[in-house]
Amino acid sequence: MTLFTKICGVAFIVFSTSAYGYVLSRDLKSRHLELLELKKIMFLLKGEIGYGLTPVFEAMGNIALRVSKPFSGILESFAKREKETKECSFADMWEQEFGQGLSSSHLSVAEKERLMGLGSSIGLNDYKTQQTAIEAYMQELENSIAELEKCLPAKTRLYRSLGVMLGVVITIIIV
């Protein structure tokens, strides 16, 4: 092997592992932003249901206009499914829409499961029960956000540093 080939290989290894570290840190930041957006959605939903006495499907349609992707698309398609409530339960529709819409999200598996479970509580007709379920979910979201905010700067630096260091270590082992 020539010296030029070795240098190119080393540069590629260090660059790719560093890029992977940056991608991991970016995903962590995206997860934080998605949790904040979910909190906003729940706050708006609580207001629409509790104070506006708006039906859930209509509330979802109203909120879809005020939030960003991927949640706006999920809420829009969910609002359009109101006529299907006789064929399919509310909880099933909730799981289908959020399951499909969040397939490419950065939320953890546990966070997605908690969101899926919320559909069975919101699907009830009593608006006070709906509000209580939303408040409980918002408290869980606040806990997740606080926990993530506590470790976000450290993990971001850690992922970036480990990416670079891993590239250097692999290079040393290979060369």
N, C-alpha and C. Protein backbone atom coordinates (compact mmCIF):
# COMPACT_ATOMS: atom_id res chain seq x y z
N MET A 1 0.84 -1.18 0.00
CA MET A 1 0.00 0.00 0.00
C MET A 1 0.88 1.24 0.00
N THR A 2 0.41 2.20 -0.72
CA THR A 2 1.17 3.44 -0.78
C THR A 2 0.82 4.32 0.42
N LEU A 3 1.65 5.29 0.65
CA LEU A 3 1.44 6.23 1.75
C LEU A 3 0.15 7.03 1.54
N PHE A 4 -0.10 7.41 0.29
CA PHE A 4 -1.31 8.17 -0.02
C PHE A 4 -2.57 7.37 0.30
N THR A 5 -2.57 6.10 0.02
CA THR A 5 -3.72 5.24 0.30
C THR A 5 -3.94 5.13 1.80
N LYS A 6 -2.87 4.99 2.56
CA LYS A 6 -2.98 4.91 4.01
C LYS A 6 -3.56 6.21 4.59
N ILE A 7 -3.05 7.33 4.10
CA ILE A 7 -3.53 8.62 4.59
C ILE A 7 -5.01 8.80 4.27
N CYS A 8 -5.42 8.41 3.08
CA CYS A 8 -6.83 8.51 2.70
C CYS A 8 -7.69 7.59 3.57
N GLY A 9 -7.20 6.40 3.84
CA GLY A 9 -7.94 5.47 4.69
C GLY A 9 -8.09 5.99 6.11
N VAL A 10 -7.01 6.53 6.65
CA VAL A 10 -7.04 7.10 8.00
C VAL A 10 -8.01 8.28 8.05
N ALA A 11 -7.93 9.15 7.07
CA ALA A 11 -8.82 10.31 7.03
C ALA A 11 -10.28 9.87 6.94
N PHE A 12 -10.54 8.86 6.14
CA PHE A 12 -11.91 8.36 5.99
C PHE A 12 -12.43 7.78 7.31
N ILE A 13 -11.61 7.01 7.98
CA ILE A 13 -12.02 6.40 9.25
C ILE A 13 -12.32 7.46 10.30
N VAL A 14 -11.41 8.41 10.46
CA VAL A 14 -11.61 9.46 11.46
C VAL A 14 -12.82 10.32 11.10
N PHE A 15 -12.95 10.65 9.83
CA PHE A 15 -14.09 11.47 9.40
C PHE A 15 -15.41 10.74 9.65
N SER A 16 -15.49 9.46 9.29
CA SER A 16 -16.77 8.74 9.43
C SER A 16 -17.16 8.52 10.88
N THR A 17 -16.21 8.19 11.74
CA THR A 17 -16.56 8.02 13.16
C THR A 17 -16.91 9.36 13.81
N SER A 18 -16.23 10.42 13.41
CA SER A 18 -16.57 11.75 13.92
C SER A 18 -17.96 12.17 13.47
N ALA A 19 -18.27 11.90 12.21
CA ALA A 19 -19.60 12.23 11.69
C ALA A 19 -20.67 11.45 12.43
N TYR A 20 -20.40 10.20 12.75
CA TYR A 20 -21.37 9.39 13.50
C TYR A 20 -21.61 9.98 14.89
N GLY A 21 -20.57 10.46 15.53
CA GLY A 21 -20.71 11.11 16.83
C GLY A 21 -21.57 12.36 16.73
N TYR A 22 -21.38 13.14 15.68
CA TYR A 22 -22.19 14.34 15.48
C TYR A 22 -23.64 13.98 15.18
N VAL A 23 -23.87 12.91 14.44
CA VAL A 23 -25.24 12.47 14.15
C VAL A 23 -25.95 12.05 15.43
N LEU A 24 -25.25 11.32 16.29
CA LEU A 24 -25.85 10.91 17.56
C LEU A 24 -26.22 12.12 18.42
N SER A 25 -25.35 13.12 18.47
CA SER A 25 -25.65 14.31 19.27
C SER A 25 -26.79 15.10 18.65
N ARG A 26 -26.86 15.15 17.33
CA ARG A 26 -27.97 15.84 16.66
C ARG A 26 -29.30 15.12 16.92
N ASP A 27 -29.28 13.79 16.93
CA ASP A 27 -30.49 13.02 17.23
C ASP A 27 -30.98 13.28 18.64
N LEU A 28 -30.06 13.43 19.57
CA LEU A 28 -30.43 13.72 20.95
C LEU A 28 -31.09 15.10 21.06
N LYS A 29 -30.56 16.07 20.33
CA LYS A 29 -31.16 17.40 20.32
C LYS A 29 -32.54 17.37 19.64
N SER A 30 -32.67 16.56 18.60
CA SER A 30 -33.97 16.43 17.92
C SER A 30 -35.00 15.79 18.84
N ARG A 31 -34.57 14.83 19.62
CA ARG A 31 -35.47 14.20 20.60
C ARG A 31 -35.98 15.23 21.60
N HIS A 32 -35.08 16.09 22.05
CA HIS A 32 -35.46 17.15 22.99
C HIS A 32 -36.50 18.08 22.36
N LEU A 33 -36.27 18.48 21.11
CA LEU A 33 -37.22 19.36 20.43
C LEU A 33 -38.58 18.67 20.22
N GLU A 34 -38.57 17.38 19.93
CA GLU A 34 -39.83 16.64 19.75
C GLU A 34 -40.59 16.53 21.07
N LEU A 35 -39.88 16.34 22.16
CA LEU A 35 -40.55 16.30 23.46
C LEU A 35 -41.18 17.65 23.80
N LEU A 36 -40.48 18.73 23.49
CA LEU A 36 -41.04 20.06 23.71
C LEU A 36 -42.27 20.30 22.84
N GLU A 37 -42.23 19.80 21.62
CA GLU A 37 -43.38 19.95 20.72
C GLU A 37 -44.57 19.13 21.22
N LEU A 38 -44.30 17.93 21.73
CA LEU A 38 -45.37 17.11 22.32
C LEU A 38 -46.00 17.81 23.52
N LYS A 39 -45.18 18.45 24.32
CA LYS A 39 -45.69 19.19 25.48
C LYS A 39 -46.61 20.32 25.01
N LYS A 40 -46.20 21.00 23.96
CA LYS A 40 -47.01 22.07 23.38
C LYS A 40 -48.34 21.53 22.88
N ILE A 41 -48.29 20.39 22.20
CA ILE A 41 -49.51 19.77 21.68
C ILE A 41 -50.46 19.42 22.81
N MET A 42 -49.92 18.83 23.87
CA MET A 42 -50.77 18.44 24.99
C MET A 42 -51.36 19.66 25.70
N PHE A 43 -50.59 20.73 25.80
CA PHE A 43 -51.09 21.96 26.40
C PHE A 43 -52.24 22.52 25.56
N LEU A 44 -52.05 22.55 24.24
CA LEU A 44 -53.10 23.05 23.35
C LEU A 44 -54.33 22.14 23.38
N LEU A 45 -54.10 20.83 23.41
CA LEU A 45 -55.21 19.87 23.45
C LEU A 45 -56.00 20.02 24.74
N LYS A 46 -55.31 20.19 25.83
CA LYS A 46 -55.98 20.38 27.12
C LYS A 46 -56.84 21.64 27.08
N GLY A 47 -56.33 22.70 26.49
CA GLY A 47 -57.10 23.94 26.38
C GLY A 47 -58.30 23.80 25.47
N GLU A 48 -58.11 23.14 24.33
CA GLU A 48 -59.21 22.96 23.38
C GLU A 48 -60.33 22.12 23.99
N ILE A 49 -59.95 21.04 24.68
CA ILE A 49 -60.96 20.14 25.25
C ILE A 49 -61.57 20.73 26.51
N GLY A 50 -60.73 21.25 27.39
CA GLY A 50 -61.20 21.70 28.69
C GLY A 50 -61.91 23.03 28.68
N TYR A 51 -61.35 24.00 27.97
CA TYR A 51 -61.92 25.34 28.01
C TYR A 51 -62.80 25.64 26.80
N GLY A 52 -62.42 25.09 25.66
CA GLY A 52 -63.23 25.31 24.46
C GLY A 52 -64.33 24.29 24.29
N LEU A 53 -64.27 23.20 25.10
CA LEU A 53 -65.21 22.08 25.00
C LEU A 53 -65.33 21.58 23.56
N THR A 54 -64.19 21.55 22.89
CA THR A 54 -64.11 21.10 21.51
C THR A 54 -63.99 19.59 21.47
N PRO A 55 -64.72 18.92 20.58
CA PRO A 55 -64.54 17.46 20.43
C PRO A 55 -63.09 17.14 20.04
N VAL A 56 -62.63 15.97 20.40
CA VAL A 56 -61.22 15.60 20.23
C VAL A 56 -60.78 15.69 18.77
N PHE A 57 -61.57 15.16 17.86
CA PHE A 57 -61.15 15.17 16.45
C PHE A 57 -61.01 16.59 15.92
N GLU A 58 -61.96 17.45 16.27
CA GLU A 58 -61.90 18.84 15.83
C GLU A 58 -60.72 19.55 16.49
N ALA A 59 -60.47 19.24 17.76
CA ALA A 59 -59.33 19.84 18.46
C ALA A 59 -58.02 19.44 17.79
N MET A 60 -57.91 18.18 17.38
CA MET A 60 -56.70 17.71 16.70
C MET A 60 -56.49 18.48 15.41
N GLY A 61 -57.56 18.70 14.66
CA GLY A 61 -57.46 19.47 13.42
C GLY A 61 -57.02 20.90 13.67
N ASN A 62 -57.54 21.52 14.72
CA ASN A 62 -57.15 22.89 15.06
C ASN A 62 -55.69 22.98 15.47
N ILE A 63 -55.26 22.01 16.24
CA ILE A 63 -53.88 22.02 16.75
C ILE A 63 -52.89 21.72 15.62
N ALA A 64 -53.29 20.92 14.64
CA ALA A 64 -52.40 20.55 13.54
C ALA A 64 -51.88 21.79 12.81
N LEU A 65 -52.67 22.84 12.81
CA LEU A 65 -52.26 24.07 12.12
C LEU A 65 -51.20 24.85 12.89
N ARG A 66 -51.03 24.53 14.17
CA ARG A 66 -50.13 25.32 15.02
C ARG A 66 -48.86 24.59 15.44
N VAL A 67 -48.64 23.38 14.95
CA VAL A 67 -47.45 22.63 15.34
C VAL A 67 -46.64 22.25 14.11
N SER A 68 -45.42 21.78 14.36
CA SER A 68 -44.52 21.44 13.26
C SER A 68 -44.58 19.95 12.94
N LYS A 69 -43.88 19.58 11.88
CA LYS A 69 -43.82 18.19 11.46
C LYS A 69 -42.96 17.41 12.43
N PRO A 70 -43.15 16.16 12.62
CA PRO A 70 -44.09 15.24 12.00
C PRO A 70 -45.48 15.29 12.64
N PHE A 71 -45.63 16.06 13.71
CA PHE A 71 -46.87 16.05 14.47
C PHE A 71 -48.04 16.69 13.72
N SER A 72 -47.77 17.70 12.90
CA SER A 72 -48.87 18.34 12.18
C SER A 72 -49.54 17.35 11.23
N GLY A 73 -48.74 16.56 10.54
CA GLY A 73 -49.29 15.56 9.62
C GLY A 73 -50.08 14.48 10.35
N ILE A 74 -49.56 14.04 11.49
CA ILE A 74 -50.23 13.02 12.29
C ILE A 74 -51.59 13.53 12.75
N LEU A 75 -51.60 14.74 13.29
CA LEU A 75 -52.85 15.30 13.82
C LEU A 75 -53.86 15.58 12.71
N GLU A 76 -53.39 16.03 11.54
CA GLU A 76 -54.29 16.26 10.41
C GLU A 76 -54.96 14.97 9.96
N SER A 77 -54.16 13.94 9.76
CA SER A 77 -54.74 12.68 9.30
C SER A 77 -55.62 12.06 10.37
N PHE A 78 -55.30 12.28 11.62
CA PHE A 78 -56.14 11.78 12.71
C PHE A 78 -57.48 12.49 12.72
N ALA A 79 -57.46 13.79 12.52
CA ALA A 79 -58.70 14.57 12.51
C ALA A 79 -59.63 14.15 11.37
N LYS A 80 -59.04 13.73 10.27
CA LYS A 80 -59.84 13.31 9.11
C LYS A 80 -60.51 11.95 9.31
N ARG A 81 -60.10 11.20 10.32
CA ARG A 81 -60.62 9.85 10.54
C ARG A 81 -61.85 9.81 11.46
N GLU A 82 -62.46 10.96 11.74
CA GLU A 82 -63.58 11.03 12.67
C GLU A 82 -64.73 10.11 12.27
N LYS A 83 -64.97 9.98 10.99
CA LYS A 83 -66.09 9.17 10.51
C LYS A 83 -65.86 7.67 10.72
N GLU A 84 -64.62 7.28 10.99
CA GLU A 84 -64.29 5.86 11.15
C GLU A 84 -64.49 5.35 12.58
N THR A 85 -65.00 6.17 13.49
CA THR A 85 -65.10 5.76 14.88
C THR A 85 -66.06 4.59 15.08
N LYS A 86 -66.98 4.40 14.16
CA LYS A 86 -67.89 3.26 14.29
C LYS A 86 -67.20 1.96 13.89
N GLU A 87 -66.25 2.05 12.97
CA GLU A 87 -65.55 0.87 12.47
C GLU A 87 -64.36 0.48 13.36
N CYS A 88 -63.75 1.47 13.96
CA CYS A 88 -62.50 1.26 14.69
C CYS A 88 -62.55 2.09 15.97
N SER A 89 -62.00 1.57 17.04
CA SER A 89 -62.02 2.31 18.30
C SER A 89 -61.05 3.50 18.24
N PHE A 90 -61.30 4.47 19.08
CA PHE A 90 -60.45 5.65 19.15
C PHE A 90 -59.00 5.27 19.46
N ALA A 91 -58.82 4.37 20.42
CA ALA A 91 -57.46 3.96 20.81
C ALA A 91 -56.73 3.30 19.65
N ASP A 92 -57.46 2.49 18.86
CA ASP A 92 -56.82 1.84 17.70
C ASP A 92 -56.41 2.87 16.65
N MET A 93 -57.28 3.84 16.40
CA MET A 93 -56.94 4.90 15.44
C MET A 93 -55.74 5.70 15.94
N TRP A 94 -55.73 6.00 17.23
CA TRP A 94 -54.63 6.74 17.84
C TRP A 94 -53.32 5.98 17.63
N GLU A 95 -53.33 4.69 17.93
CA GLU A 95 -52.11 3.89 17.78
C GLU A 95 -51.66 3.80 16.32
N GLN A 96 -52.61 3.65 15.41
CA GLN A 96 -52.26 3.57 13.99
C GLN A 96 -51.61 4.86 13.51
N GLU A 97 -52.26 5.98 13.79
CA GLU A 97 -51.75 7.26 13.29
C GLU A 97 -50.40 7.62 13.91
N PHE A 98 -50.32 7.52 15.23
CA PHE A 98 -49.06 7.88 15.89
C PHE A 98 -47.99 6.83 15.63
N GLY A 99 -48.37 5.57 15.50
CA GLY A 99 -47.40 4.53 15.19
C GLY A 99 -46.75 4.75 13.84
N GLN A 100 -47.57 5.08 12.84
CA GLN A 100 -47.03 5.35 11.51
C GLN A 100 -46.27 6.67 11.46
N GLY A 101 -46.85 7.69 12.07
CA GLY A 101 -46.25 9.02 12.00
C GLY A 101 -44.95 9.16 12.77
N LEU A 102 -44.79 8.40 13.83
CA LEU A 102 -43.59 8.51 14.66
C LEU A 102 -42.53 7.48 14.31
N SER A 103 -42.71 6.78 13.21
CA SER A 103 -41.73 5.75 12.85
C SER A 103 -40.34 6.34 12.63
N SER A 104 -40.27 7.57 12.16
CA SER A 104 -38.97 8.18 11.92
C SER A 104 -38.62 9.24 12.96
N SER A 105 -39.33 9.25 14.08
CA SER A 105 -39.04 10.25 15.10
C SER A 105 -37.84 9.82 15.94
N HIS A 106 -37.38 10.74 16.77
CA HIS A 106 -36.21 10.49 17.60
C HIS A 106 -36.60 10.15 19.04
N LEU A 107 -37.88 9.98 19.30
CA LEU A 107 -38.33 9.64 20.64
C LEU A 107 -37.88 8.23 21.00
N SER A 108 -37.66 8.01 22.28
CA SER A 108 -37.27 6.67 22.73
C SER A 108 -38.47 5.73 22.65
N VAL A 109 -38.22 4.45 22.72
CA VAL A 109 -39.28 3.45 22.66
C VAL A 109 -40.27 3.65 23.81
N ALA A 110 -39.75 3.92 25.00
CA ALA A 110 -40.62 4.12 26.17
C ALA A 110 -41.51 5.35 25.98
N GLU A 111 -40.97 6.41 25.41
CA GLU A 111 -41.76 7.62 25.17
C GLU A 111 -42.85 7.37 24.14
N LYS A 112 -42.51 6.60 23.11
CA LYS A 112 -43.52 6.26 22.11
C LYS A 112 -44.63 5.41 22.71
N GLU A 113 -44.26 4.46 23.56
CA GLU A 113 -45.26 3.59 24.19
C GLU A 113 -46.18 4.38 25.11
N ARG A 114 -45.63 5.35 25.85
CA ARG A 114 -46.47 6.18 26.72
C ARG A 114 -47.45 7.00 25.88
N LEU A 115 -46.97 7.50 24.75
CA LEU A 115 -47.85 8.28 23.87
C LEU A 115 -48.94 7.39 23.28
N MET A 116 -48.60 6.17 22.92
CA MET A 116 -49.60 5.23 22.39
C MET A 116 -50.65 4.91 23.44
N GLY A 117 -50.24 4.76 24.68
CA GLY A 117 -51.16 4.45 25.76
C GLY A 117 -52.11 5.59 26.07
N LEU A 118 -51.74 6.79 25.73
CA LEU A 118 -52.58 7.95 26.00
C LEU A 118 -53.89 7.89 25.21
N GLY A 119 -53.87 7.25 24.06
CA GLY A 119 -55.07 7.17 23.21
C GLY A 119 -56.24 6.49 23.88
N SER A 120 -55.97 5.50 24.72
CA SER A 120 -57.09 4.80 25.38
C SER A 120 -57.74 5.68 26.43
N SER A 121 -57.01 6.63 27.01
CA SER A 121 -57.58 7.53 28.00
C SER A 121 -58.28 8.73 27.37
N ILE A 122 -57.72 9.22 26.28
CA ILE A 122 -58.32 10.39 25.63
C ILE A 122 -59.58 9.99 24.88
N GLY A 123 -59.70 8.75 24.47
CA GLY A 123 -60.85 8.30 23.70
C GLY A 123 -62.15 8.28 24.47
N LEU A 124 -62.09 8.48 25.77
CA LEU A 124 -63.30 8.48 26.57
C LEU A 124 -64.08 9.78 26.33
N ASN A 125 -65.40 9.71 26.49
CA ASN A 125 -66.24 10.87 26.17
C ASN A 125 -66.22 11.95 27.24
N ASP A 126 -65.89 11.63 28.45
CA ASP A 126 -65.90 12.58 29.54
C ASP A 126 -64.69 13.51 29.43
N TYR A 127 -64.93 14.80 29.26
CA TYR A 127 -63.82 15.73 29.05
C TYR A 127 -62.96 15.89 30.30
N LYS A 128 -63.52 15.67 31.48
CA LYS A 128 -62.71 15.77 32.70
C LYS A 128 -61.71 14.62 32.77
N THR A 129 -62.13 13.43 32.36
CA THR A 129 -61.22 12.29 32.32
C THR A 129 -60.14 12.53 31.27
N GLN A 130 -60.53 13.11 30.15
CA GLN A 130 -59.56 13.43 29.12
C GLN A 130 -58.52 14.43 29.64
N GLN A 131 -59.01 15.45 30.34
CA GLN A 131 -58.09 16.45 30.88
C GLN A 131 -57.14 15.84 31.92
N THR A 132 -57.66 14.97 32.75
CA THR A 132 -56.83 14.33 33.76
C THR A 132 -55.74 13.48 33.11
N ALA A 133 -56.11 12.76 32.06
CA ALA A 133 -55.13 11.93 31.35
C ALA A 133 -54.07 12.79 30.68
N ILE A 134 -54.50 13.90 30.10
CA ILE A 134 -53.55 14.80 29.45
C ILE A 134 -52.60 15.42 30.48
N GLU A 135 -53.15 15.82 31.63
CA GLU A 135 -52.31 16.40 32.69
C GLU A 135 -51.28 15.39 33.19
N ALA A 136 -51.69 14.15 33.36
CA ALA A 136 -50.76 13.11 33.81
C ALA A 136 -49.66 12.89 32.77
N TYR A 137 -50.04 12.86 31.50
CA TYR A 137 -49.07 12.67 30.44
C TYR A 137 -48.12 13.87 30.36
N MET A 138 -48.67 15.08 30.56
CA MET A 138 -47.82 16.28 30.54
C MET A 138 -46.79 16.24 31.67
N GLN A 139 -47.19 15.71 32.81
CA GLN A 139 -46.25 15.59 33.93
C GLN A 139 -45.12 14.62 33.58
N GLU A 140 -45.46 13.51 32.93
CA GLU A 140 -44.44 12.57 32.48
C GLU A 140 -43.51 13.22 31.46
N LEU A 141 -44.11 14.00 30.56
CA LEU A 141 -43.30 14.71 29.56
C LEU A 141 -42.34 15.69 30.23
N GLU A 142 -42.84 16.43 31.19
CA GLU A 142 -41.98 17.39 31.90
C GLU A 142 -40.83 16.69 32.60
N ASN A 143 -41.10 15.53 33.18
CA ASN A 143 -40.03 14.77 33.82
C ASN A 143 -39.00 14.31 32.80
N SER A 144 -39.47 13.81 31.65
CA SER A 144 -38.55 13.37 30.59
C SER A 144 -37.72 14.53 30.07
N ILE A 145 -38.37 15.68 29.88
CA ILE A 145 -37.66 16.85 29.36
C ILE A 145 -36.61 17.31 30.37
N ALA A 146 -36.98 17.38 31.64
CA ALA A 146 -36.03 17.82 32.67
C ALA A 146 -34.84 16.88 32.75
N GLU A 147 -35.10 15.58 32.69
CA GLU A 147 -34.02 14.59 32.74
C GLU A 147 -33.10 14.73 31.53
N LEU A 148 -33.69 14.94 30.36
CA LEU A 148 -32.90 15.08 29.15
C LEU A 148 -32.10 16.37 29.15
N GLU A 149 -32.72 17.46 29.62
CA GLU A 149 -32.02 18.74 29.67
C GLU A 149 -30.83 18.70 30.63
N LYS A 150 -30.96 17.89 31.66
CA LYS A 150 -29.88 17.77 32.65
C LYS A 150 -28.64 17.13 32.02
N CYS A 151 -28.83 16.16 31.16
CA CYS A 151 -27.69 15.43 30.62
C CYS A 151 -27.37 15.78 29.16
N LEU A 152 -28.16 16.64 28.53
CA LEU A 152 -27.97 16.97 27.11
C LEU A 152 -26.59 17.54 26.79
N PRO A 153 -26.12 18.57 27.48
CA PRO A 153 -24.79 19.10 27.11
C PRO A 153 -23.67 18.08 27.29
N ALA A 154 -23.71 17.33 28.36
CA ALA A 154 -22.65 16.35 28.61
C ALA A 154 -22.68 15.23 27.57
N LYS A 155 -23.88 14.72 27.27
CA LYS A 155 -23.96 13.64 26.29
C LYS A 155 -23.59 14.12 24.89
N THR A 156 -23.95 15.34 24.56
CA THR A 156 -23.59 15.88 23.25
C THR A 156 -22.07 15.93 23.11
N ARG A 157 -21.39 16.47 24.10
CA ARG A 157 -19.92 16.50 24.07
C ARG A 157 -19.33 15.10 24.05
N LEU A 158 -19.93 14.21 24.84
CA LEU A 158 -19.44 12.84 24.92
C LEU A 158 -19.53 12.14 23.56
N TYR A 159 -20.68 12.25 22.90
CA TYR A 159 -20.85 11.60 21.59
C TYR A 159 -19.86 12.13 20.57
N ARG A 160 -19.67 13.43 20.55
CA ARG A 160 -18.74 14.02 19.58
C ARG A 160 -17.30 13.61 19.88
N SER A 161 -16.95 13.67 21.14
CA SER A 161 -15.58 13.30 21.52
C SER A 161 -15.32 11.82 21.27
N LEU A 162 -16.26 10.97 21.63
CA LEU A 162 -16.08 9.53 21.41
C LEU A 162 -15.98 9.20 19.93
N GLY A 163 -16.72 9.93 19.10
CA GLY A 163 -16.62 9.70 17.66
C GLY A 163 -15.22 9.94 17.15
N VAL A 164 -14.65 11.06 17.56
CA VAL A 164 -13.29 11.39 17.13
C VAL A 164 -12.29 10.39 17.72
N MET A 165 -12.42 10.12 19.01
CA MET A 165 -11.48 9.21 19.68
C MET A 165 -11.55 7.80 19.10
N LEU A 166 -12.74 7.34 18.80
CA LEU A 166 -12.89 6.01 18.21
C LEU A 166 -12.17 5.94 16.87
N GLY A 167 -12.30 6.99 16.08
CA GLY A 167 -11.59 7.03 14.80
C GLY A 167 -10.09 6.98 14.98
N VAL A 168 -9.58 7.70 15.95
CA VAL A 168 -8.14 7.71 16.21
C VAL A 168 -7.68 6.34 16.69
N VAL A 169 -8.45 5.72 17.59
CA VAL A 169 -8.07 4.40 18.10
C VAL A 169 -8.08 3.35 16.99
N ILE A 170 -9.11 3.36 16.18
CA ILE A 170 -9.16 2.40 15.06
C ILE A 170 -7.99 2.61 14.12
N THR A 171 -7.66 3.87 13.87
CA THR A 171 -6.52 4.18 13.01
C THR A 171 -5.22 3.64 13.61
N ILE A 172 -5.05 3.82 14.90
CA ILE A 172 -3.82 3.35 15.55
C ILE A 172 -3.75 1.82 15.46
N ILE A 173 -4.88 1.14 15.67
CA ILE A 173 -4.89 -0.31 15.61
C ILE A 173 -4.59 -0.81 14.20
N ILE A 174 -5.15 -0.18 13.21
CA ILE A 174 -4.97 -0.63 11.82
C ILE A 174 -3.55 -0.32 11.33
N VAL A 175 -3.07 0.85 11.63
CA VAL A 175 -1.74 1.26 11.12
C VAL A 175 -0.72 0.73 12.08
